[in-house]
Amino acid sequence: MSIPNLLAIARLLLTPVAMALILAGPDDQAMRVWATVVFVIAAITDFADGYLARRWQLTSTLGAFLDTVADKILVTGALLALVEVGTVSTWVAFIIIAREIAIMGLRSVAALDQSTVPPSMWGKSKAALQFTAISFAIVRLDIAIGPWRLDQWLMAAAVVVTVVSAGDYFSRFRAVFTTTRSKA
């Protein structure tokens, strides 16, 4: 198995560890720091596996699948744990998770039609902002900016970019699907 695929598997394995640490220590700053460290390590594997796969020309269908699934599971797991401890709004988690499921479904439909909808800069920005917002929500620094804490502002920004990236994917899918259909 390639190193990029092993990194995706590591991300899958680190997800329940991060969740357990989030759930174990909502009122314990040291536990929140450990949870953040584990989450950040898992998030870094997302960037590392894609970079290494492209650099070493080890891209594969299995690798793309593992990477996508590991990302969604990491984000979903962390958000669910943060909702449980009362750090993240249920609506925020719902919007982010629903977008992830919808885009996975969209890619499945495109694959059935032998088309692809490759990642966009909005999707990459979404991932980076979600990872950042979730990291700050886990560690929960006491930094207020106006009516909200820093982590709440970052999570709001992540939701906006998440919605914009979903719109981008759907519009690009429509263009690909319309082009594919008109050729048939």
Protein backbone atom coordinates (compact mmCIF):
# COMPACT_ATOMS: atom_id res chain seq x y z
CA MET A 1 0.00 0.00 0.00
CA SER A 2 1.31 3.46 -0.88
CA ILE A 3 2.28 6.10 1.68
CA PRO A 4 -0.52 8.48 0.53
CA ASN A 5 -3.11 5.72 1.08
CA LEU A 6 -1.59 4.91 4.47
CA LEU A 7 -1.93 8.59 5.42
CA ALA A 8 -5.63 8.48 4.52
CA ILE A 9 -6.05 5.35 6.64
CA ALA A 10 -4.20 7.09 9.49
CA ARG A 11 -6.71 9.95 9.21
CA LEU A 12 -9.55 7.44 9.53
CA LEU A 13 -7.92 5.89 12.61
CA LEU A 14 -7.19 9.26 14.24
CA THR A 15 -10.81 10.39 13.92
CA PRO A 16 -12.24 8.35 16.82
CA VAL A 17 -9.20 9.30 18.92
CA ALA A 18 -9.88 13.00 18.33
CA MET A 19 -13.58 12.45 19.04
CA ALA A 20 -12.85 10.62 22.30
CA LEU A 21 -10.54 13.40 23.45
CA ILE A 22 -13.12 16.08 22.57
CA LEU A 23 -15.85 14.21 24.43
CA ALA A 24 -13.61 13.42 27.44
CA GLY A 25 -12.50 16.94 28.15
CA PRO A 26 -14.88 19.74 27.29
CA ASP A 27 -14.01 21.49 30.57
CA ASP A 28 -10.36 20.43 30.69
CA GLN A 29 -8.03 22.76 28.74
CA ALA A 30 -5.20 20.20 28.60
CA MET A 31 -7.55 17.58 27.14
CA ARG A 32 -8.82 20.11 24.57
CA VAL A 33 -5.21 20.87 23.58
CA TRP A 34 -4.52 17.13 23.09
CA ALA A 35 -7.72 16.79 21.06
CA THR A 36 -6.64 19.73 18.91
CA VAL A 37 -3.17 18.25 18.38
CA VAL A 38 -4.64 14.91 17.25
CA PHE A 39 -7.17 16.66 14.98
CA VAL A 40 -4.51 18.90 13.43
CA ILE A 41 -2.23 15.90 12.78
CA ALA A 42 -5.16 14.14 11.10
CA ALA A 43 -5.95 17.26 9.04
CA ILE A 44 -2.32 17.59 7.95
CA THR A 45 -2.46 14.05 6.57
CA ASP A 46 -5.13 15.32 4.16
CA PHE A 47 -2.76 17.81 2.61
CA ALA A 48 0.20 15.43 2.77
CA ASP A 49 -1.47 12.47 1.10
CA GLY A 50 -2.66 14.49 -1.90
CA TYR A 51 0.66 16.27 -2.27
CA LEU A 52 2.67 13.06 -2.07
CA ALA A 53 0.34 11.16 -4.42
CA ARG A 54 0.72 13.86 -7.09
CA ARG A 55 4.45 14.37 -6.51
CA TRP A 56 5.26 10.67 -6.63
CA GLN A 57 2.62 9.99 -9.31
CA LEU A 58 0.80 7.52 -7.08
CA THR A 59 -2.72 8.71 -7.78
CA SER A 60 -5.33 5.96 -7.99
CA THR A 61 -9.06 5.44 -7.79
CA LEU A 62 -8.62 3.76 -4.40
CA GLY A 63 -6.49 6.66 -3.17
CA ALA A 64 -9.03 9.26 -4.29
CA PHE A 65 -11.80 7.28 -2.60
CA LEU A 66 -9.85 6.84 0.66
CA ASP A 67 -8.88 10.51 0.73
CA THR A 68 -12.44 11.71 0.18
CA VAL A 69 -13.99 9.34 2.69
CA ALA A 70 -11.32 10.02 5.32
CA ASP A 71 -11.87 13.78 4.97
CA LYS A 72 -15.63 13.47 5.37
CA ILE A 73 -15.34 11.12 8.34
CA LEU A 74 -12.81 13.38 10.10
CA VAL A 75 -14.93 16.51 9.67
CA THR A 76 -18.19 14.74 10.53
CA GLY A 77 -16.75 13.00 13.58
CA ALA A 78 -15.23 16.17 14.98
CA LEU A 79 -18.39 18.20 14.36
CA LEU A 80 -20.62 15.59 16.00
CA ALA A 81 -18.36 15.51 19.06
CA LEU A 82 -18.33 19.32 19.20
CA VAL A 83 -22.14 19.43 18.98
CA GLU A 84 -22.32 16.89 21.81
CA VAL A 85 -20.16 19.06 24.10
CA GLY A 86 -22.07 22.22 23.12
CA THR A 87 -19.26 23.99 21.29
CA VAL A 88 -20.76 23.96 17.78
CA SER A 89 -24.32 24.63 16.73
CA THR A 90 -26.32 21.71 15.38
CA TRP A 91 -27.23 23.86 12.36
CA VAL A 92 -23.58 24.53 11.55
CA ALA A 93 -22.82 20.81 11.70
CA PHE A 94 -25.91 20.01 9.62
CA ILE A 95 -24.99 22.44 6.83
CA ILE A 96 -21.39 21.22 6.63
CA ILE A 97 -22.27 17.51 6.80
CA ALA A 98 -25.17 17.87 4.34
CA ARG A 99 -22.84 19.57 1.84
CA GLU A 100 -20.32 16.76 2.18
CA ILE A 101 -22.97 14.09 1.56
CA ALA A 102 -24.47 16.02 -1.36
CA ILE A 103 -21.11 16.45 -3.09
CA MET A 104 -20.24 12.78 -2.59
CA GLY A 105 -23.57 11.92 -4.19
CA LEU A 106 -22.90 14.35 -7.02
CA ARG A 107 -19.54 12.74 -7.70
CA SER A 108 -21.19 9.31 -7.68
CA VAL A 109 -23.71 10.43 -10.30
CA ALA A 110 -20.89 11.89 -12.39
CA ALA A 111 -18.94 8.61 -12.09
CA LEU A 112 -21.96 6.61 -13.25
CA ASP A 113 -22.02 8.83 -16.32
CA GLN A 114 -18.24 8.31 -16.71
CA SER A 115 -17.64 11.98 -15.96
CA THR A 116 -15.68 13.65 -13.21
CA VAL A 117 -16.09 16.83 -11.24
CA PRO A 118 -12.54 17.56 -10.06
CA PRO A 119 -11.84 19.49 -6.86
CA SER A 120 -11.90 23.25 -7.20
CA MET A 121 -10.15 26.05 -5.36
CA TRP A 122 -13.43 26.61 -3.47
CA GLY A 123 -13.37 22.99 -2.33
CA LYS A 124 -9.75 23.24 -1.23
CA SER A 125 -10.45 26.54 0.55
CA LYS A 126 -13.46 24.96 2.21
CA ALA A 127 -11.37 22.09 3.54
CA ALA A 128 -8.67 24.39 4.90
CA LEU A 129 -11.20 26.71 6.54
CA GLN A 130 -13.21 23.83 8.01
CA PHE A 131 -10.06 22.27 9.48
CA THR A 132 -9.02 25.63 10.93
CA ALA A 133 -12.47 26.41 12.35
CA ILE A 134 -12.82 22.95 13.88
CA SER A 135 -9.32 23.19 15.41
CA PHE A 136 -10.22 26.49 17.05
CA ALA A 137 -13.59 25.12 18.18
CA ILE A 138 -11.85 22.18 19.85
CA VAL A 139 -9.20 24.22 21.70
CA ARG A 140 -11.75 26.98 22.44
CA LEU A 141 -9.42 29.89 23.20
CA ASP A 142 -11.02 32.70 25.15
CA ILE A 143 -10.78 35.31 22.38
CA ALA A 144 -13.92 37.36 21.86
CA ILE A 145 -14.42 39.54 18.79
CA GLY A 146 -17.60 41.50 19.25
CA PRO A 147 -20.54 39.27 20.08
CA TRP A 148 -18.80 35.99 19.18
CA ARG A 149 -15.65 34.10 20.05
CA LEU A 150 -12.92 33.62 17.44
CA ASP A 151 -13.89 30.00 16.85
CA GLN A 152 -17.50 31.02 16.19
CA TRP A 153 -16.43 33.58 13.59
CA LEU A 154 -14.21 30.99 11.91
CA MET A 155 -17.05 28.45 11.93
CA ALA A 156 -19.41 31.02 10.38
CA ALA A 157 -16.84 31.70 7.65
CA ALA A 158 -16.47 27.94 7.12
CA VAL A 159 -20.24 27.62 6.65
CA VAL A 160 -20.28 30.43 4.08
CA VAL A 161 -17.38 28.94 2.10
CA THR A 162 -18.96 25.48 2.42
CA VAL A 163 -22.19 26.73 0.84
CA VAL A 164 -20.34 28.66 -1.89
CA SER A 165 -18.22 25.61 -2.72
CA ALA A 166 -21.38 23.47 -2.96
CA GLY A 167 -22.84 25.95 -5.43
CA ASP A 168 -19.60 25.86 -7.41
CA TYR A 169 -19.60 22.05 -7.55
CA PHE A 170 -23.24 21.88 -8.62
CA SER A 171 -22.75 24.50 -11.35
CA ARG A 172 -19.64 22.71 -12.65
CA PHE A 173 -21.47 19.37 -12.50
CA ARG A 174 -24.34 20.85 -14.48
CA ALA A 175 -21.89 22.11 -17.11
CA VAL A 176 -20.12 18.73 -17.33
CA PHE A 177 -23.38 16.78 -17.35
CA THR A 178 -24.97 19.07 -19.98
CA THR A 179 -21.87 18.81 -22.20
CA THR A 180 -21.77 15.00 -21.79
CA ARG A 181 -25.49 14.69 -22.59
CA SER A 182 -25.33 16.95 -25.66
CA LYS A 183 -22.52 14.78 -27.13
CA ALA A 184 -24.62 11.63 -26.81
